[in-house]
Amino acid sequence: MIFLNLVLVGLRQGLKNCQVGEKWIFDDYSYLCKGLNLYKILLDNFRKEPLN
């Protein structure tokens, strides 16, 4: 859960220029996609580990 919070903080920093009514800057969109892809990869790897 702590890692998820760190990912969300990173995404929020990357989207700091995005406000209501403004268009997204390409860099922010790219940063968001990279963060979500990283989160998905880590979540998939976490699910593969056996629970003891």
PDB file of N, CA and C in Angstrom:
ATOM      1  N   MET A   1       0.823  -1.196   0.000  1.00  0.00           N
ATOM      2  CA  MET A   1       0.000   0.000   0.000  1.00  0.00           C
ATOM      3  C   MET A   1       0.866   1.259   0.000  1.00  0.00           C
ATOM      4  N   ILE A   2       1.988   1.207   0.703  1.00  0.00           N
ATOM      5  CA  ILE A   2       2.886   2.364   0.733  1.00  0.00           C
ATOM      6  C   ILE A   2       3.420   2.644  -0.665  1.00  0.00           C
ATOM      7  N   PHE A   3       3.760   1.572  -1.399  1.00  0.00           N
ATOM      8  CA  PHE A   3       4.284   1.770  -2.750  1.00  0.00           C
ATOM      9  C   PHE A   3       3.245   2.429  -3.647  1.00  0.00           C
ATOM     10  N   LEU A   4       1.992   2.005  -3.514  1.00  0.00           N
ATOM     11  CA  LEU A   4       0.920   2.614  -4.311  1.00  0.00           C
ATOM     12  C   LEU A   4       0.829   4.103  -4.027  1.00  0.00           C
ATOM     13  N   ASN A   5       0.953   4.488  -2.774  1.00  0.00           N
ATOM     14  CA  ASN A   5       0.915   5.907  -2.424  1.00  0.00           C
ATOM     15  C   ASN A   5       2.063   6.664  -3.077  1.00  0.00           C
ATOM     16  N   LEU A   6       3.254   6.062  -3.119  1.00  0.00           N
ATOM     17  CA  LEU A   6       4.397   6.709  -3.766  1.00  0.00           C
ATOM     18  C   LEU A   6       4.162   6.881  -5.260  1.00  0.00           C
ATOM     19  N   VAL A   7       3.560   5.875  -5.893  1.00  0.00           N
ATOM     20  CA  VAL A   7       3.253   5.975  -7.323  1.00  0.00           C
ATOM     21  C   VAL A   7       2.266   7.102  -7.569  1.00  0.00           C
ATOM     22  N   LEU A   8       1.242   7.183  -6.735  1.00  0.00           N
ATOM     23  CA  LEU A   8       0.235   8.231  -6.908  1.00  0.00           C
ATOM     24  C   LEU A   8       0.820   9.617  -6.682  1.00  0.00           C
ATOM     25  N   VAL A   9       1.733   9.745  -5.730  1.00  0.00           N
ATOM     26  CA  VAL A   9       2.397  11.032  -5.506  1.00  0.00           C
ATOM     27  C   VAL A   9       3.204  11.416  -6.738  1.00  0.00           C
ATOM     28  N   GLY A  10       3.908  10.458  -7.314  1.00  0.00           N
ATOM     29  CA  GLY A  10       4.679  10.731  -8.525  1.00  0.00           C
ATOM     30  C   GLY A  10       3.797  11.148  -9.687  1.00  0.00           C
ATOM     31  N   LEU A  11       2.661  10.491  -9.831  1.00  0.00           N
ATOM     32  CA  LEU A  11       1.737  10.862 -10.903  1.00  0.00           C
ATOM     33  C   LEU A  11       1.189  12.261 -10.689  1.00  0.00           C
ATOM     34  N   ARG A  12       0.898  12.588  -9.445  1.00  0.00           N
ATOM     35  CA  ARG A  12       0.357  13.915  -9.139  1.00  0.00           C
ATOM     36  C   ARG A  12       1.379  15.000  -9.471  1.00  0.00           C
ATOM     37  N   GLN A  13       2.648  14.738  -9.177  1.00  0.00           N
ATOM     38  CA  GLN A  13       3.686  15.718  -9.500  1.00  0.00           C
ATOM     39  C   GLN A  13       3.834  15.874 -11.002  1.00  0.00           C
ATOM     40  N   GLY A  14       3.709  14.783 -11.734  1.00  0.00           N
ATOM     41  CA  GLY A  14       3.828  14.845 -13.179  1.00  0.00           C
ATOM     42  C   GLY A  14       2.681  15.584 -13.831  1.00  0.00           C
ATOM     43  N   LEU A  15       1.535  15.611 -13.164  1.00  0.00           N
ATOM     44  CA  LEU A  15       0.351  16.258 -13.730  1.00  0.00           C
ATOM     45  C   LEU A  15       0.079  17.617 -13.102  1.00  0.00           C
ATOM     46  N   LYS A  16       1.077  18.199 -12.464  1.00  0.00           N
ATOM     47  CA  LYS A  16       0.854  19.446 -11.734  1.00  0.00           C
ATOM     48  C   LYS A  16       0.378  20.587 -12.626  1.00  0.00           C
ATOM     49  N   ASN A  17       0.693  20.536 -13.919  1.00  0.00           N
ATOM     50  CA  ASN A  17       0.271  21.603 -14.819  1.00  0.00           C
ATOM     51  C   ASN A  17      -1.136  21.400 -15.364  1.00  0.00           C
ATOM     52  N   CYS A  18      -1.727  20.265 -15.081  1.00  0.00           N
ATOM     53  CA  CYS A  18      -3.059  19.960 -15.606  1.00  0.00           C
ATOM     54  C   CYS A  18      -4.110  20.534 -14.663  1.00  0.00           C
ATOM     55  N   GLN A  19      -4.918  21.448 -15.146  1.00  0.00           N
ATOM     56  CA  GLN A  19      -5.987  22.038 -14.352  1.00  0.00           C
ATOM     57  C   GLN A  19      -7.280  21.922 -15.134  1.00  0.00           C
ATOM     58  N   VAL A  20      -8.390  22.144 -14.459  1.00  0.00           N
ATOM     59  CA  VAL A  20      -9.689  22.053 -15.104  1.00  0.00           C
ATOM     60  C   VAL A  20      -9.762  23.070 -16.236  1.00  0.00           C
ATOM     61  N   GLY A  21     -10.190  22.619 -17.394  1.00  0.00           N
ATOM     62  CA  GLY A  21     -10.340  23.507 -18.535  1.00  0.00           C
ATOM     63  C   GLY A  21      -9.096  23.664 -19.385  1.00  0.00           C
ATOM     64  N   GLU A  22      -7.964  23.094 -18.969  1.00  0.00           N
ATOM     65  CA  GLU A  22      -6.734  23.193 -19.755  1.00  0.00           C
ATOM     66  C   GLU A  22      -6.498  21.887 -20.495  1.00  0.00           C
ATOM     67  N   LYS A  23      -5.819  21.974 -21.609  1.00  0.00           N
ATOM     68  CA  LYS A  23      -5.424  20.767 -22.324  1.00  0.00           C
ATOM     69  C   LYS A  23      -4.195  20.175 -21.645  1.00  0.00           C
ATOM     70  N   TRP A  24      -4.097  18.853 -21.720  1.00  0.00           N
ATOM     71  CA  TRP A  24      -2.928  18.198 -21.140  1.00  0.00           C
ATOM     72  C   TRP A  24      -1.712  18.472 -21.999  1.00  0.00           C
ATOM     73  N   ILE A  25      -0.610  18.704 -21.352  1.00  0.00           N
ATOM     74  CA  ILE A  25       0.665  18.819 -22.051  1.00  0.00           C
ATOM     75  C   ILE A  25       1.153  17.401 -22.335  1.00  0.00           C
ATOM     76  N   PHE A  26       1.735  17.190 -23.513  1.00  0.00           N
ATOM     77  CA  PHE A  26       2.136  15.841 -23.919  1.00  0.00           C
ATOM     78  C   PHE A  26       3.044  15.181 -22.890  1.00  0.00           C
ATOM     79  N   ASP A  27       3.957  15.937 -22.297  1.00  0.00           N
ATOM     80  CA  ASP A  27       4.873  15.360 -21.306  1.00  0.00           C
ATOM     81  C   ASP A  27       4.108  14.808 -20.117  1.00  0.00           C
ATOM     82  N   ASP A  28       3.062  15.501 -19.691  1.00  0.00           N
ATOM     83  CA  ASP A  28       2.268  15.027 -18.562  1.00  0.00           C
ATOM     84  C   ASP A  28       1.547  13.732 -18.918  1.00  0.00           C
ATOM     85  N   TYR A  29       0.993  13.666 -20.119  1.00  0.00           N
ATOM     86  CA  TYR A  29       0.287  12.469 -20.558  1.00  0.00           C
ATOM     87  C   TYR A  29       1.248  11.290 -20.642  1.00  0.00           C
ATOM     88  N   SER A  30       2.435  11.531 -21.191  1.00  0.00           N
ATOM     89  CA  SER A  30       3.446  10.488 -21.300  1.00  0.00           C
ATOM     90  C   SER A  30       3.863  10.000 -19.914  1.00  0.00           C
ATOM     91  N   TYR A  31       4.036  10.923 -18.982  1.00  0.00           N
ATOM     92  CA  TYR A  31       4.425  10.578 -17.616  1.00  0.00           C
ATOM     93  C   TYR A  31       3.348   9.732 -16.950  1.00  0.00           C
ATOM     94  N   LEU A  32       2.089  10.094 -17.161  1.00  0.00           N
ATOM     95  CA  LEU A  32       0.975   9.340 -16.594  1.00  0.00           C
ATOM     96  C   LEU A  32       0.968   7.917 -17.133  1.00  0.00           C
ATOM     97  N   CYS A  33       1.142   7.758 -18.447  1.00  0.00           N
ATOM     98  CA  CYS A  33       1.142   6.427 -19.054  1.00  0.00           C
ATOM     99  C   CYS A  33       2.284   5.570 -18.522  1.00  0.00           C
ATOM    100  N   LYS A  34       3.466   6.151 -18.388  1.00  0.00           N
ATOM    101  CA  LYS A  34       4.611   5.406 -17.858  1.00  0.00           C
ATOM    102  C   LYS A  34       4.342   4.963 -16.425  1.00  0.00           C
ATOM    103  N   GLY A  35       3.764   5.843 -15.622  1.00  0.00           N
ATOM    104  CA  GLY A  35       3.466   5.495 -14.233  1.00  0.00           C
ATOM    105  C   GLY A  35       2.442   4.385 -14.133  1.00  0.00           C
ATOM    106  N   LEU A  36       1.402   4.447 -14.952  1.00  0.00           N
ATOM    107  CA  LEU A  36       0.371   3.413 -14.920  1.00  0.00           C
ATOM    108  C   LEU A  36       0.907   2.081 -15.426  1.00  0.00           C
ATOM    109  N   ASN A  37       1.755   2.110 -16.448  1.00  0.00           N
ATOM    110  CA  ASN A  37       2.360   0.870 -16.942  1.00  0.00           C
ATOM    111  C   ASN A  37       3.265   0.252 -15.888  1.00  0.00           C
ATOM    112  N   LEU A  38       4.047   1.063 -15.203  1.00  0.00           N
ATOM    113  CA  LEU A  38       4.920   0.567 -14.143  1.00  0.00           C
ATOM    114  C   LEU A  38       4.095  -0.052 -13.020  1.00  0.00           C
ATOM    115  N   TYR A  39       3.010   0.613 -12.643  1.00  0.00           N
ATOM    116  CA  TYR A  39       2.139   0.096 -11.590  1.00  0.00           C
ATOM    117  C   TYR A  39       1.547  -1.253 -12.000  1.00  0.00           C
ATOM    118  N   LYS A  40       1.110  -1.380 -13.245  1.00  0.00           N
ATOM    119  CA  LYS A  40       0.533  -2.637 -13.725  1.00  0.00           C
ATOM    120  C   LYS A  40       1.568  -3.754 -13.690  1.00  0.00           C
ATOM    121  N   ILE A  41       2.789  -3.472 -14.135  1.00  0.00           N
ATOM    122  CA  ILE A  41       3.847  -4.483 -14.130  1.00  0.00           C
ATOM    123  C   ILE A  41       4.135  -4.942 -12.703  1.00  0.00           C
ATOM    124  N   LEU A  42       4.258  -4.001 -11.789  1.00  0.00           N
ATOM    125  CA  LEU A  42       4.549  -4.361 -10.402  1.00  0.00           C
ATOM    126  C   LEU A  42       3.393  -5.122  -9.770  1.00  0.00           C
ATOM    127  N   LEU A  43       2.169  -4.735 -10.083  1.00  0.00           N
ATOM    128  CA  LEU A  43       1.005  -5.432  -9.545  1.00  0.00           C
ATOM    129  C   LEU A  43       0.947  -6.861 -10.076  1.00  0.00           C
ATOM    130  N   ASP A  44       1.225  -7.056 -11.358  1.00  0.00           N
ATOM    131  CA  ASP A  44       1.245  -8.402 -11.941  1.00  0.00           C
ATOM    132  C   ASP A  44       2.315  -9.262 -11.281  1.00  0.00           C
ATOM    133  N   ASN A  45       3.499  -8.698 -11.040  1.00  0.00           N
ATOM    134  CA  ASN A  45       4.572  -9.451 -10.387  1.00  0.00           C
ATOM    135  C   ASN A  45       4.219  -9.786  -8.950  1.00  0.00           C
ATOM    136  N   PHE A  46       3.544  -8.892  -8.257  1.00  0.00           N
ATOM    137  CA  PHE A  46       3.149  -9.133  -6.874  1.00  0.00           C
ATOM    138  C   PHE A  46       2.149 -10.280  -6.800  1.00  0.00           C
ATOM    139  N   ARG A  47       1.257 -10.358  -7.760  1.00  0.00           N
ATOM    140  CA  ARG A  47       0.239 -11.417  -7.767  1.00  0.00           C
ATOM    141  C   ARG A  47       0.844 -12.786  -8.043  1.00  0.00           C
ATOM    142  N   LYS A  48       1.986 -12.838  -8.733  1.00  0.00           N
ATOM    143  CA  LYS A  48       2.617 -14.111  -9.070  1.00  0.00           C
ATOM    144  C   LYS A  48       3.342 -14.723  -7.881  1.00  0.00           C
ATOM    145  N   GLU A  49       3.689 -13.907  -6.892  1.00  0.00           N
ATOM    146  CA  GLU A  49       4.413 -14.421  -5.731  1.00  0.00           C
ATOM    147  C   GLU A  49       3.470 -15.262  -4.878  1.00  0.00           C
ATOM    148  N   PRO A  50       3.940 -16.417  -4.412  1.00  0.00           N
ATOM    149  CA  PRO A  50       3.082 -17.269  -3.575  1.00  0.00           C
ATOM    150  C   PRO A  50       2.862 -16.639  -2.202  1.00  0.00           C
ATOM    151  N   LEU A  51       1.666 -16.800  -1.700  1.00  0.00           N
ATOM    152  CA  LEU A  51       1.349 -16.304  -0.358  1.00  0.00           C
ATOM    153  C   LEU A  51       1.609 -17.412   0.646  1.00  0.00           C
ATOM    154  N   ASN A  52       2.455 -17.158   1.632  1.00  0.00           N
ATOM    155  CA  ASN A  52       2.787 -18.157   2.658  1.00  0.00           C
ATOM    156  C   ASN A  52       2.187 -17.773   3.970  1.00  0.00           C
TER     157      ASN A  52
END
